[in-house]
Amino acid sequence: MAHAGASVVPLVAEPDDYEVDSAVGEEDQASSTSIASSILKYREENGRRYHAYKDGKYALPNDEVIIYGALYLNLQHHLFSLTFDGKLHLSPIDKSKLHRILDAGTGTGIWAIDIADLYPQAEVVGIDLSPIQPTFVPPNVSFQIDDLEEPWTFNYKFDLIYARTMSGSLSDWPKFFQQCFENLNPGGYLEIVDVEMPLKTDDNTFPKDSALLKWSKLVVEVSSSSGRPLMNSATKYISQMEDAGFSKVFQKTFTWPMNRWPKDKHYKEMGWWNYENIAGGLSGLSMALLTRGLGWTEDEVEFFLVDVRKEMKNTKIHSYWPVHVYYAQKPE
């Protein structure tokens, strides 16, 4: 589709006889809660590890397969870097006014660490339900284990609040945007990055009874019925941010090809990373949603995902995800 700031245009596919590379692997402060032993515990379900603090809120596991094995979260960070031409944010921030940054849903903390290196004068706070962040970090970074859906009790305000791929994590986005607005300094920015689902094609190349298309629709339907829409909540962000008090919301849209099907080298590389990102972590992304939401067994999920992975790798299917960036400034 487009590089940062460019208009969105359809991608051109490689010829049908193009072969994709093989996968590296198939599975390959808010309320000032202290990091007590109960928070640091985990829960096992279907052979995967999930956060125990506020158990069940987040559908993705936090085990080594996600963090280290398939490199899901950190690999995804690299994919975003390719998407945004190496930029860590798109908001037009005045560096001289940047003193405090909140990374909402920090995950492994990799964005928080990088932004702290970029702006050493700023204090960076990362919030997450899972204690999976490193301990060796820049001196201007701190991590807190907390629930962003609880009332925020910071005794200071931020100049940038950043949230990436948080769809599926929150049940009340209007409340989140209102809390962000209230906890920003005048002139501060809120920036949201999220992926839209279900998967799309511009040339209707999904096969009949496509397992891939079925999977992408199921994760949206199941997460929506649970009250935490996964990857389709982004379509409502603009109006919700404006309702919270942000006067003008800017939107930029990018594209993640599902695999190396595009002819353009830049998008071919992004497609390779996206395939590794999703196919490697597919079981973790799907297991809790489909077992909890549909009552499937672990074996039923894994059997279904065999065909999903095959179609994810198929370069004759020209599927992609729109990636949206929204940013807005709090009036001064």
Protein backbone atom coordinates (compact mmCIF):
# COMPACT_ATOMS: atom_id res chain seq x y z
CA MET A 1 0.00 0.00 0.00
CA ALA A 2 2.09 3.02 1.10
CA HIS A 3 5.16 4.28 2.89
CA ALA A 4 4.69 6.76 5.73
CA GLY A 5 2.68 9.75 4.61
CA ALA A 6 2.02 8.46 1.09
CA SER A 7 -1.38 7.74 -0.41
CA VAL A 8 -2.64 4.17 -0.25
CA VAL A 9 -2.41 2.27 -3.55
CA PRO A 10 -3.01 -1.40 -4.40
CA LEU A 11 -0.01 -3.72 -4.30
CA VAL A 12 1.12 -5.70 -7.33
CA ALA A 13 1.59 -9.44 -6.79
CA GLU A 14 4.43 -11.64 -7.94
CA PRO A 15 3.65 -14.15 -10.73
CA ASP A 16 1.78 -17.25 -9.59
CA ASP A 17 4.85 -19.46 -9.86
CA TYR A 18 6.76 -17.44 -7.25
CA GLU A 19 7.74 -19.56 -4.24
CA VAL A 20 7.77 -18.14 -0.72
CA ASP A 21 10.64 -18.97 1.62
CA SER A 22 9.94 -21.66 4.19
CA ALA A 23 9.02 -20.58 7.70
CA VAL A 24 11.65 -20.48 10.41
CA GLY A 25 9.25 -22.32 12.71
CA GLU A 26 5.64 -23.32 12.91
CA GLU A 27 5.08 -22.19 16.50
CA ASP A 28 7.98 -20.80 16.40
CA GLN A 29 1.48 4.12 37.19
CA ALA A 30 -2.19 3.51 36.85
CA SER A 31 -3.25 2.27 40.30
CA SER A 32 0.25 1.90 41.76
CA THR A 33 0.02 -1.84 42.42
CA SER A 34 3.27 -3.27 43.76
CA ILE A 35 4.86 -6.30 42.07
CA ALA A 36 3.80 -8.83 44.69
CA SER A 37 4.40 -12.57 44.41
CA SER A 38 0.78 -13.12 43.33
CA ILE A 39 1.26 -10.76 40.39
CA LEU A 40 4.44 -12.52 39.30
CA LYS A 41 2.70 -15.89 39.14
CA TYR A 42 1.41 -17.37 35.88
CA ARG A 43 -1.41 -19.72 34.93
CA GLU A 44 -1.14 -22.75 32.66
CA GLU A 45 -3.87 -23.51 30.11
CA ASN A 46 -3.71 -25.94 27.18
CA GLY A 47 0.04 -26.20 27.61
CA ARG A 48 0.56 -22.41 27.39
CA ARG A 49 1.36 -19.84 30.08
CA TYR A 50 -0.86 -16.80 30.70
CA HIS A 51 -0.77 -13.86 33.08
CA ALA A 52 -2.24 -14.53 36.53
CA TYR A 53 -2.76 -10.92 37.59
CA LYS A 54 -6.32 -10.03 36.46
CA ASP A 55 -6.52 -13.58 35.13
CA GLY A 56 -8.28 -14.04 31.80
CA LYS A 57 -8.36 -10.45 30.60
CA TYR A 58 -5.80 -10.88 27.83
CA ALA A 59 -6.07 -13.73 25.31
CA LEU A 60 -2.39 -14.00 24.32
CA PRO A 61 0.04 -16.16 26.32
CA ASN A 62 3.18 -14.67 27.84
CA ASP A 63 5.42 -17.75 27.76
CA GLU A 64 8.83 -18.22 26.19
CA VAL A 65 7.30 -19.37 22.90
CA ILE A 66 5.79 -15.92 22.48
CA ILE A 67 8.58 -13.90 24.06
CA TYR A 68 11.65 -15.78 22.87
CA GLY A 69 10.81 -18.86 20.77
CA ALA A 70 8.79 -17.28 17.95
CA LEU A 71 10.06 -13.82 18.92
CA TYR A 72 6.45 -12.71 18.56
CA LEU A 73 6.51 -9.38 20.36
CA ASN A 74 10.05 -8.32 19.52
CA LEU A 75 9.76 -9.57 15.94
CA GLN A 76 6.60 -7.51 15.67
CA HIS A 77 8.57 -4.48 16.86
CA HIS A 78 10.96 -4.95 13.94
CA LEU A 79 8.00 -5.21 11.56
CA PHE A 80 6.68 -1.88 12.83
CA SER A 81 10.13 -0.37 12.34
CA LEU A 82 10.07 -1.46 8.69
CA THR A 83 6.54 -0.12 8.32
CA PHE A 84 7.37 3.31 9.72
CA ASP A 85 10.81 3.67 8.13
CA GLY A 86 12.52 3.31 11.50
CA LYS A 87 10.41 5.91 13.30
CA LEU A 88 9.24 5.09 16.82
CA HIS A 89 6.31 7.48 16.60
CA LEU A 90 4.57 9.57 13.96
CA SER A 91 3.26 12.32 16.23
CA PRO A 92 4.98 15.65 15.51
CA ILE A 93 6.38 15.98 19.02
CA ASP A 94 8.42 18.95 20.14
CA LYS A 95 11.42 17.25 21.74
CA SER A 96 12.04 20.21 24.03
CA LYS A 97 8.61 19.65 25.61
CA LEU A 98 8.93 15.89 25.98
CA HIS A 99 9.49 15.03 29.64
CA ARG A 100 7.30 12.01 30.44
CA ILE A 101 6.14 9.15 28.19
CA LEU A 102 3.65 6.37 28.96
CA ASP A 103 3.82 3.09 27.04
CA ALA A 104 0.36 1.61 27.61
CA GLY A 105 0.53 -2.16 27.25
CA THR A 106 4.31 -2.30 27.04
CA GLY A 107 4.63 -6.08 26.52
CA THR A 108 8.33 -6.97 26.53
CA GLY A 109 9.15 -3.28 26.94
CA ILE A 110 11.12 -3.05 23.70
CA TRP A 111 9.40 0.13 22.44
CA ALA A 112 9.77 1.79 25.85
CA ILE A 113 13.48 0.98 25.91
CA ASP A 114 14.04 2.29 22.38
CA ILE A 115 12.09 5.50 22.99
CA ALA A 116 14.06 6.03 26.21
CA ASP A 117 17.30 5.77 24.24
CA LEU A 118 15.94 8.19 21.63
CA TYR A 119 14.83 10.74 24.26
CA PRO A 120 17.20 10.35 27.22
CA GLN A 121 15.82 13.55 28.78
CA ALA A 122 12.37 11.94 29.16
CA GLU A 123 11.09 9.62 31.87
CA VAL A 124 9.46 6.54 30.30
CA VAL A 125 6.91 4.39 32.14
CA GLY A 126 5.71 1.06 30.73
CA ILE A 127 2.50 -0.56 32.03
CA ASP A 128 1.42 -4.16 31.44
CA LEU A 129 -0.43 -7.04 33.08
CA SER A 130 2.49 -9.43 32.54
CA PRO A 131 5.90 -9.13 34.26
CA ILE A 132 7.90 -10.04 31.14
CA GLN A 133 10.08 -6.94 30.83
CA PRO A 134 13.88 -7.05 31.23
CA THR A 135 15.60 -5.73 34.34
CA PHE A 136 18.61 -4.24 32.55
CA VAL A 137 17.16 -1.08 30.98
CA PRO A 138 18.13 2.56 30.43
CA PRO A 139 18.06 4.62 33.64
CA ASN A 140 15.08 6.67 32.42
CA VAL A 141 12.80 3.60 32.04
CA SER A 142 10.60 1.97 34.67
CA PHE A 143 8.01 -0.79 34.35
CA GLN A 144 4.88 -1.30 36.42
CA ILE A 145 2.56 -4.29 36.51
CA ASP A 146 -0.92 -2.86 36.54
CA ASP A 147 -4.33 -2.82 34.90
CA LEU A 148 -4.98 0.10 32.56
CA GLU A 149 -8.73 -0.47 32.92
CA GLU A 150 -8.59 0.52 36.59
CA PRO A 151 -8.63 4.22 37.61
CA TRP A 152 -5.31 5.90 36.87
CA THR A 153 -3.70 7.50 39.94
CA PHE A 154 -0.52 8.99 38.55
CA ASN A 155 0.60 12.10 40.44
CA TYR A 156 1.97 13.62 37.23
CA LYS A 157 0.91 13.96 33.61
CA PHE A 158 2.52 12.78 30.38
CA ASP A 159 3.62 14.50 27.18
CA LEU A 160 3.16 11.37 25.05
CA ILE A 161 0.94 8.34 25.63
CA TYR A 162 1.61 5.52 23.19
CA ALA A 163 -0.36 2.30 22.71
CA ARG A 164 0.34 -0.36 20.08
CA THR A 165 -1.71 -3.46 19.18
CA MET A 166 -3.93 -3.06 22.20
CA SER A 167 -7.09 -4.27 20.46
CA GLY A 168 -8.37 -7.29 22.32
CA SER A 169 -6.94 -5.95 25.57
CA LEU A 170 -9.55 -3.36 26.52
CA SER A 171 -13.29 -3.65 26.91
CA ASP A 172 -14.01 0.08 27.13
CA TRP A 173 -12.02 2.12 24.60
CA PRO A 174 -13.93 5.39 25.24
CA LYS A 175 -12.94 5.14 28.90
CA PHE A 176 -9.31 4.50 27.93
CA PHE A 177 -9.24 7.53 25.63
CA GLN A 178 -10.79 9.67 28.36
CA GLN A 179 -8.13 8.54 30.84
CA CYS A 180 -5.43 9.32 28.29
CA PHE A 181 -6.85 12.81 27.74
CA GLU A 182 -7.01 13.51 31.47
CA ASN A 183 -3.45 12.28 32.02
CA LEU A 184 -1.84 14.30 29.22
CA ASN A 185 -0.33 17.72 29.65
CA PRO A 186 -1.82 20.42 27.40
CA GLY A 187 -0.09 20.09 24.03
CA GLY A 188 0.71 16.43 24.70
CA TYR A 189 0.01 13.68 22.18
CA LEU A 190 -1.84 10.38 22.22
CA GLU A 191 -0.75 7.89 19.53
CA ILE A 192 -2.52 4.60 18.84
CA VAL A 193 -1.27 1.93 16.45
CA ASP A 194 -3.46 -1.04 15.61
CA VAL A 195 -4.16 -3.69 13.00
CA GLU A 196 -7.54 -4.12 11.35
CA MET A 197 -9.15 -7.52 10.87
CA PRO A 198 -10.54 -9.60 9.17
CA LEU A 199 -7.88 -10.07 6.50
CA LYS A 200 -8.52 -8.39 3.15
CA THR A 201 -7.71 -8.97 -0.51
CA ASP A 202 -8.13 -6.55 -3.41
CA ASP A 203 -8.46 -9.32 -5.99
CA ASN A 204 -10.63 -11.91 -4.23
CA THR A 205 -7.89 -14.55 -4.14
CA PHE A 206 -9.17 -16.33 -1.04
CA PRO A 207 -10.02 -19.91 -2.05
CA LYS A 208 -13.51 -21.27 -1.57
CA ASP A 209 -14.06 -22.22 2.09
CA SER A 210 -10.75 -20.56 2.97
CA ALA A 211 -9.41 -21.64 6.37
CA LEU A 212 -7.41 -18.41 6.59
CA LEU A 213 -10.43 -16.20 6.01
CA LYS A 214 -12.49 -18.31 8.42
CA TRP A 215 -9.79 -17.97 11.09
CA SER A 216 -9.55 -14.20 10.70
CA LYS A 217 -13.32 -13.83 10.98
CA LEU A 218 -13.55 -16.20 13.94
CA VAL A 219 -10.99 -14.34 16.05
CA VAL A 220 -12.91 -11.11 15.43
CA GLU A 221 -16.28 -12.66 16.23
CA VAL A 222 -15.14 -14.50 19.35
CA SER A 223 -13.22 -11.55 20.77
CA SER A 224 -16.14 -9.22 20.06
CA SER A 225 -18.57 -11.53 21.85
CA SER A 226 -16.23 -11.60 24.84
CA GLY A 227 -16.35 -7.79 25.04
CA ARG A 228 -12.73 -7.29 23.95
CA PRO A 229 -12.77 -6.88 20.16
CA LEU A 230 -9.55 -8.10 18.58
CA MET A 231 -8.23 -6.12 15.63
CA ASN A 232 -11.48 -4.57 14.48
CA SER A 233 -11.86 -1.99 17.25
CA ALA A 234 -9.54 0.37 15.32
CA THR A 235 -12.37 1.38 12.98
CA LYS A 236 -13.98 3.39 15.81
CA TYR A 237 -10.93 5.14 17.27
CA ILE A 238 -11.33 8.52 15.54
CA SER A 239 -14.82 9.27 16.84
CA GLN A 240 -13.97 7.92 20.29
CA MET A 241 -10.84 10.06 20.55
CA GLU A 242 -12.77 13.14 19.46
CA ASP A 243 -15.47 12.38 22.04
CA ALA A 244 -12.75 12.26 24.71
CA GLY A 245 -11.73 15.84 23.90
CA PHE A 246 -9.08 15.59 21.20
CA SER A 247 -9.92 18.28 18.67
CA LYS A 248 -8.36 16.80 15.55
CA VAL A 249 -7.32 13.18 15.00
CA PHE A 250 -4.84 12.36 12.25
CA GLN A 251 -4.88 8.92 10.63
CA LYS A 252 -2.31 7.17 8.46
CA THR A 253 -2.84 3.71 7.00
CA PHE A 254 -0.19 1.18 6.03
CA THR A 255 -0.26 -2.42 4.81
CA TRP A 256 1.12 -5.70 6.08
CA PRO A 257 1.03 -8.34 3.32
CA MET A 258 0.37 -11.80 4.75
CA ASN A 259 3.49 -13.21 3.07
CA ARG A 260 6.01 -12.43 0.30
CA TRP A 261 3.38 -12.18 -2.44
CA PRO A 262 3.95 -8.47 -3.40
CA LYS A 263 6.33 -7.70 -6.24
CA ASP A 264 7.66 -4.55 -4.55
CA LYS A 265 10.84 -5.42 -2.59
CA HIS A 266 9.91 -3.29 0.40
CA TYR A 267 6.54 -4.98 0.81
CA LYS A 268 7.98 -8.38 -0.02
CA GLU A 269 10.33 -7.99 2.98
CA MET A 270 7.48 -6.80 5.18
CA GLY A 271 5.41 -9.77 4.06
CA TRP A 272 8.19 -12.16 5.05
CA TRP A 273 8.42 -10.65 8.54
CA ASN A 274 4.64 -10.57 8.89
CA TYR A 275 4.38 -14.24 7.97
CA GLU A 276 7.03 -15.17 10.56
CA ASN A 277 5.32 -12.92 13.08
CA ILE A 278 1.86 -14.44 12.71
CA ALA A 279 2.49 -18.04 11.61
CA GLY A 280 5.08 -18.50 14.35
CA GLY A 281 2.70 -17.28 17.04
CA LEU A 282 -0.56 -18.54 15.54
CA SER A 283 -1.27 -21.13 18.21
CA GLY A 284 -0.79 -18.60 21.00
CA LEU A 285 -2.95 -16.04 19.24
CA SER A 286 -5.75 -18.54 18.62
CA MET A 287 -5.78 -21.05 21.48
CA ALA A 288 -7.45 -19.09 24.27
CA LEU A 289 -9.95 -17.42 21.94
CA LEU A 290 -11.14 -20.63 20.29
CA THR A 291 -11.10 -22.87 23.37
CA ARG A 292 -12.71 -20.32 25.69
CA GLY A 293 -15.02 -18.74 23.12
CA LEU A 294 -16.10 -21.73 21.03
CA GLY A 295 -15.45 -24.62 23.40
CA TRP A 296 -12.99 -26.29 21.02
CA THR A 297 -10.44 -28.69 22.41
CA GLU A 298 -6.71 -28.02 22.12
CA ASP A 299 -6.44 -30.75 19.46
CA GLU A 300 -9.33 -29.28 17.46
CA VAL A 301 -7.64 -25.89 17.42
CA GLU A 302 -4.29 -27.28 16.30
CA PHE A 303 -5.92 -29.40 13.58
CA PHE A 304 -7.74 -26.33 12.23
CA LEU A 305 -4.55 -24.25 12.30
CA VAL A 306 -2.71 -26.67 10.00
CA ASP A 307 -4.76 -25.44 7.02
CA VAL A 308 -4.61 -21.84 8.24
CA ARG A 309 -0.80 -21.93 8.20
CA LYS A 310 -0.76 -23.44 4.73
CA GLU A 311 -2.87 -20.58 3.37
CA MET A 312 -0.83 -17.99 5.24
CA LYS A 313 2.20 -19.26 3.31
CA ASN A 314 0.42 -19.46 -0.06
CA THR A 315 1.60 -16.57 -2.27
CA LYS A 316 -1.38 -17.06 -4.59
CA ILE A 317 -3.56 -15.62 -1.84
CA HIS A 318 -2.94 -11.86 -1.92
CA SER A 319 -4.17 -11.08 1.58
CA TYR A 320 -3.09 -8.23 3.81
CA TRP A 321 -3.90 -6.37 7.00
CA PRO A 322 -4.47 -2.62 7.12
CA VAL A 323 -2.35 -1.06 9.86
CA HIS A 324 -3.71 2.22 11.22
CA VAL A 325 -1.92 4.96 13.14
CA TYR A 326 -4.01 7.57 14.93
CA TYR A 327 -2.53 10.53 16.74
CA ALA A 328 -4.00 13.65 18.29
CA GLN A 329 -2.87 16.52 20.45
CA LYS A 330 -4.55 17.67 23.62
CA PRO A 331 -5.47 21.36 23.13
CA GLU A 332 -3.06 23.77 24.82
